[in-house]
Amino acid sequence: ETKVFCSRGFVEVLPDRVSILAEAAELPDQIDVEQARAHQVQAEQLLGSDDPDTDYAQALLDLREAQIRLDLAEQSTAT
C-alpha cells in the first residue's frame, strides 16, 4: 500500500496503474514537515482574522491540506 498526498486534481486508480493529475502530489517522505507546519500556522492566523478581505474558504482548505500532509508524514515515520 502506497499513500500519496494529492492537492486539487484528479486521481484515477485502475487494477494495473494509478494516474494523478494534480497541482501537487507528494509521497510521505517528500513532505516538508516544517513547510506544512508553517502553512498550518498561517491558515490558522487567517481564520482568526477579522479582516473582511480574508478568504475563509481558501484558509480552511489550506489548513486541511496542511493537516493532511502532517498526518501523512507522521504516519510514514511511525512505521
N, C-alpha and C. Protein backbone atom coordinates (compact mmCIF):
# COMPACT_ATOMS: atom_id res chain seq x y z
N GLU A 1 0.85 -1.18 0.00
CA GLU A 1 0.00 0.00 0.00
C GLU A 1 0.89 1.23 0.00
N THR A 2 0.60 2.14 -0.92
CA THR A 2 1.34 3.40 -1.01
C THR A 2 0.35 4.54 -0.85
N LYS A 3 0.68 5.46 0.05
CA LYS A 3 -0.17 6.64 0.24
C LYS A 3 0.51 7.84 -0.41
N VAL A 4 -0.32 8.69 -1.03
CA VAL A 4 0.17 9.88 -1.71
C VAL A 4 -0.75 11.03 -1.37
N PHE A 5 -0.18 12.18 -1.02
CA PHE A 5 -0.97 13.39 -0.83
C PHE A 5 -1.18 14.02 -2.20
N CYS A 6 -2.42 14.30 -2.54
CA CYS A 6 -2.75 14.97 -3.80
C CYS A 6 -3.59 16.19 -3.49
N SER A 7 -3.28 17.27 -4.18
CA SER A 7 -4.00 18.52 -3.95
C SER A 7 -4.59 19.03 -5.25
N ARG A 8 -5.89 19.32 -5.19
CA ARG A 8 -6.59 19.99 -6.30
C ARG A 8 -6.34 19.32 -7.65
N GLY A 9 -6.94 18.18 -7.81
CA GLY A 9 -6.77 17.49 -9.08
C GLY A 9 -7.60 16.23 -9.13
N PHE A 10 -7.12 15.29 -9.92
CA PHE A 10 -7.83 14.04 -10.13
C PHE A 10 -6.88 12.87 -9.94
N VAL A 11 -7.42 11.77 -9.42
CA VAL A 11 -6.67 10.53 -9.29
C VAL A 11 -7.53 9.42 -9.90
N GLU A 12 -6.93 8.66 -10.78
CA GLU A 12 -7.61 7.51 -11.37
C GLU A 12 -6.87 6.26 -10.92
N VAL A 13 -7.59 5.35 -10.28
CA VAL A 13 -6.99 4.11 -9.80
C VAL A 13 -7.58 2.95 -10.59
N LEU A 14 -6.71 2.25 -11.29
CA LEU A 14 -7.10 1.08 -12.07
C LEU A 14 -6.34 -0.13 -11.50
N PRO A 15 -6.74 -1.33 -11.85
CA PRO A 15 -6.06 -2.51 -11.30
C PRO A 15 -4.56 -2.56 -11.58
N ASP A 16 -4.13 -2.01 -12.72
CA ASP A 16 -2.73 -2.11 -13.09
C ASP A 16 -1.95 -0.80 -13.05
N ARG A 17 -2.63 0.30 -12.69
CA ARG A 17 -1.90 1.58 -12.64
C ARG A 17 -2.72 2.64 -11.91
N VAL A 18 -2.01 3.71 -11.54
CA VAL A 18 -2.64 4.88 -10.93
C VAL A 18 -2.17 6.10 -11.72
N SER A 19 -3.10 6.95 -12.09
CA SER A 19 -2.77 8.19 -12.79
C SER A 19 -3.17 9.36 -11.90
N ILE A 20 -2.25 10.32 -11.77
CA ILE A 20 -2.50 11.50 -10.94
C ILE A 20 -2.32 12.74 -11.81
N LEU A 21 -3.34 13.59 -11.81
CA LEU A 21 -3.28 14.89 -12.47
C LEU A 21 -3.69 15.89 -11.41
N ALA A 22 -2.70 16.52 -10.78
CA ALA A 22 -2.97 17.39 -9.64
C ALA A 22 -1.96 18.52 -9.58
N GLU A 23 -2.33 19.57 -8.86
CA GLU A 23 -1.40 20.68 -8.64
C GLU A 23 -0.18 20.21 -7.87
N ALA A 24 -0.41 19.31 -6.90
CA ALA A 24 0.68 18.78 -6.09
C ALA A 24 0.40 17.33 -5.75
N ALA A 25 1.44 16.53 -5.76
CA ALA A 25 1.35 15.14 -5.33
C ALA A 25 2.67 14.81 -4.63
N GLU A 26 2.57 14.34 -3.39
CA GLU A 26 3.78 14.06 -2.61
C GLU A 26 3.67 12.70 -1.93
N LEU A 27 4.75 11.95 -2.01
CA LEU A 27 4.86 10.75 -1.20
C LEU A 27 5.19 11.21 0.22
N PRO A 28 4.89 10.39 1.22
CA PRO A 28 5.12 10.82 2.60
C PRO A 28 6.55 11.30 2.87
N ASP A 29 7.54 10.62 2.29
CA ASP A 29 8.93 11.02 2.56
C ASP A 29 9.35 12.27 1.80
N GLN A 30 8.49 12.79 0.94
CA GLN A 30 8.77 14.02 0.20
C GLN A 30 8.15 15.25 0.88
N ILE A 31 7.34 15.03 1.88
CA ILE A 31 6.63 16.14 2.53
C ILE A 31 7.60 16.92 3.41
N ASP A 32 7.65 18.22 3.18
CA ASP A 32 8.45 19.12 4.01
C ASP A 32 7.62 19.47 5.24
N VAL A 33 7.94 18.82 6.37
CA VAL A 33 7.15 18.96 7.58
C VAL A 33 7.17 20.40 8.09
N GLU A 34 8.31 21.04 8.06
CA GLU A 34 8.40 22.42 8.53
C GLU A 34 7.54 23.35 7.67
N GLN A 35 7.55 23.13 6.38
CA GLN A 35 6.72 23.93 5.48
C GLN A 35 5.24 23.69 5.76
N ALA A 36 4.88 22.43 5.97
CA ALA A 36 3.48 22.10 6.27
C ALA A 36 3.05 22.75 7.58
N ARG A 37 3.92 22.73 8.58
CA ARG A 37 3.60 23.39 9.86
C ARG A 37 3.43 24.90 9.67
N ALA A 38 4.30 25.49 8.87
CA ALA A 38 4.21 26.93 8.62
C ALA A 38 2.90 27.27 7.90
N HIS A 39 2.50 26.44 6.95
CA HIS A 39 1.22 26.66 6.26
C HIS A 39 0.05 26.50 7.21
N GLN A 40 0.17 25.55 8.13
CA GLN A 40 -0.89 25.34 9.12
C GLN A 40 -1.04 26.58 10.00
N VAL A 41 0.06 27.10 10.49
CA VAL A 41 0.02 28.29 11.34
C VAL A 41 -0.54 29.49 10.57
N GLN A 42 -0.10 29.65 9.33
CA GLN A 42 -0.58 30.77 8.52
C GLN A 42 -2.09 30.68 8.30
N ALA A 43 -2.58 29.49 8.00
CA ALA A 43 -4.02 29.31 7.78
C ALA A 43 -4.80 29.57 9.06
N GLU A 44 -4.28 29.10 10.19
CA GLU A 44 -4.94 29.34 11.47
C GLU A 44 -5.01 30.83 11.78
N GLN A 45 -3.95 31.56 11.47
CA GLN A 45 -3.94 33.00 11.70
C GLN A 45 -4.98 33.70 10.81
N LEU A 46 -5.07 33.28 9.56
CA LEU A 46 -6.07 33.86 8.66
C LEU A 46 -7.48 33.59 9.16
N LEU A 47 -7.71 32.37 9.63
CA LEU A 47 -9.04 32.02 10.13
C LEU A 47 -9.41 32.80 11.38
N GLY A 48 -8.40 33.21 12.14
CA GLY A 48 -8.64 34.00 13.34
C GLY A 48 -8.71 35.49 13.08
N SER A 49 -8.51 35.87 11.83
CA SER A 49 -8.50 37.28 11.46
C SER A 49 -9.93 37.82 11.33
N ASP A 50 -10.07 39.10 11.63
CA ASP A 50 -11.37 39.74 11.41
C ASP A 50 -11.32 40.66 10.18
N ASP A 51 -10.30 40.46 9.36
CA ASP A 51 -10.16 41.23 8.12
C ASP A 51 -11.26 40.80 7.15
N PRO A 52 -12.08 41.74 6.68
CA PRO A 52 -13.18 41.38 5.78
C PRO A 52 -12.71 40.84 4.43
N ASP A 53 -11.45 41.07 4.09
CA ASP A 53 -10.92 40.58 2.81
C ASP A 53 -10.37 39.16 2.90
N THR A 54 -10.41 38.57 4.08
CA THR A 54 -9.89 37.21 4.26
C THR A 54 -10.77 36.22 3.50
N ASP A 55 -10.13 35.36 2.74
CA ASP A 55 -10.83 34.29 2.02
C ASP A 55 -10.87 33.08 2.96
N TYR A 56 -11.94 32.99 3.74
CA TYR A 56 -12.05 31.94 4.76
C TYR A 56 -12.15 30.55 4.14
N ALA A 57 -12.81 30.43 3.00
CA ALA A 57 -12.91 29.12 2.35
C ALA A 57 -11.53 28.63 1.94
N GLN A 58 -10.71 29.53 1.40
CA GLN A 58 -9.35 29.15 1.00
C GLN A 58 -8.50 28.85 2.22
N ALA A 59 -8.66 29.62 3.27
CA ALA A 59 -7.90 29.38 4.50
C ALA A 59 -8.26 28.02 5.10
N LEU A 60 -9.54 27.66 5.06
CA LEU A 60 -9.96 26.34 5.56
C LEU A 60 -9.35 25.22 4.71
N LEU A 61 -9.34 25.40 3.40
CA LEU A 61 -8.74 24.42 2.52
C LEU A 61 -7.24 24.29 2.79
N ASP A 62 -6.57 25.42 2.93
CA ASP A 62 -5.13 25.41 3.22
C ASP A 62 -4.84 24.71 4.55
N LEU A 63 -5.67 24.99 5.55
CA LEU A 63 -5.49 24.36 6.86
C LEU A 63 -5.67 22.85 6.74
N ARG A 64 -6.70 22.41 6.06
CA ARG A 64 -6.96 20.97 5.91
C ARG A 64 -5.83 20.29 5.16
N GLU A 65 -5.33 20.92 4.11
CA GLU A 65 -4.22 20.34 3.36
C GLU A 65 -2.98 20.22 4.23
N ALA A 66 -2.68 21.24 5.01
CA ALA A 66 -1.52 21.18 5.89
C ALA A 66 -1.68 20.06 6.91
N GLN A 67 -2.87 19.92 7.47
CA GLN A 67 -3.11 18.86 8.45
C GLN A 67 -2.95 17.47 7.82
N ILE A 68 -3.47 17.30 6.63
CA ILE A 68 -3.35 16.01 5.95
C ILE A 68 -1.88 15.70 5.64
N ARG A 69 -1.14 16.69 5.16
CA ARG A 69 0.28 16.48 4.88
C ARG A 69 1.04 16.10 6.14
N LEU A 70 0.74 16.78 7.25
CA LEU A 70 1.41 16.46 8.51
C LEU A 70 1.04 15.06 9.00
N ASP A 71 -0.23 14.71 8.90
CA ASP A 71 -0.67 13.38 9.32
C ASP A 71 0.01 12.30 8.48
N LEU A 72 0.08 12.50 7.18
CA LEU A 72 0.70 11.52 6.30
C LEU A 72 2.19 11.37 6.59
N ALA A 73 2.87 12.49 6.80
CA ALA A 73 4.29 12.43 7.13
C ALA A 73 4.51 11.72 8.46
N GLU A 74 3.66 11.99 9.43
CA GLU A 74 3.77 11.35 10.74
C GLU A 74 3.54 9.85 10.64
N GLN A 75 2.55 9.44 9.87
CA GLN A 75 2.27 8.01 9.69
C GLN A 75 3.46 7.29 9.06
N SER A 76 4.13 7.95 8.14
CA SER A 76 5.25 7.30 7.46
C SER A 76 6.46 7.13 8.37
N THR A 77 6.62 8.03 9.33
CA THR A 77 7.75 7.90 10.25
C THR A 77 7.44 6.94 11.39
N ALA A 78 6.16 6.67 11.62
CA ALA A 78 5.75 5.76 12.70
C ALA A 78 5.87 4.31 12.28
N THR A 79 5.95 4.05 10.97
CA THR A 79 6.03 2.66 10.50
C THR A 79 7.43 2.25 10.17
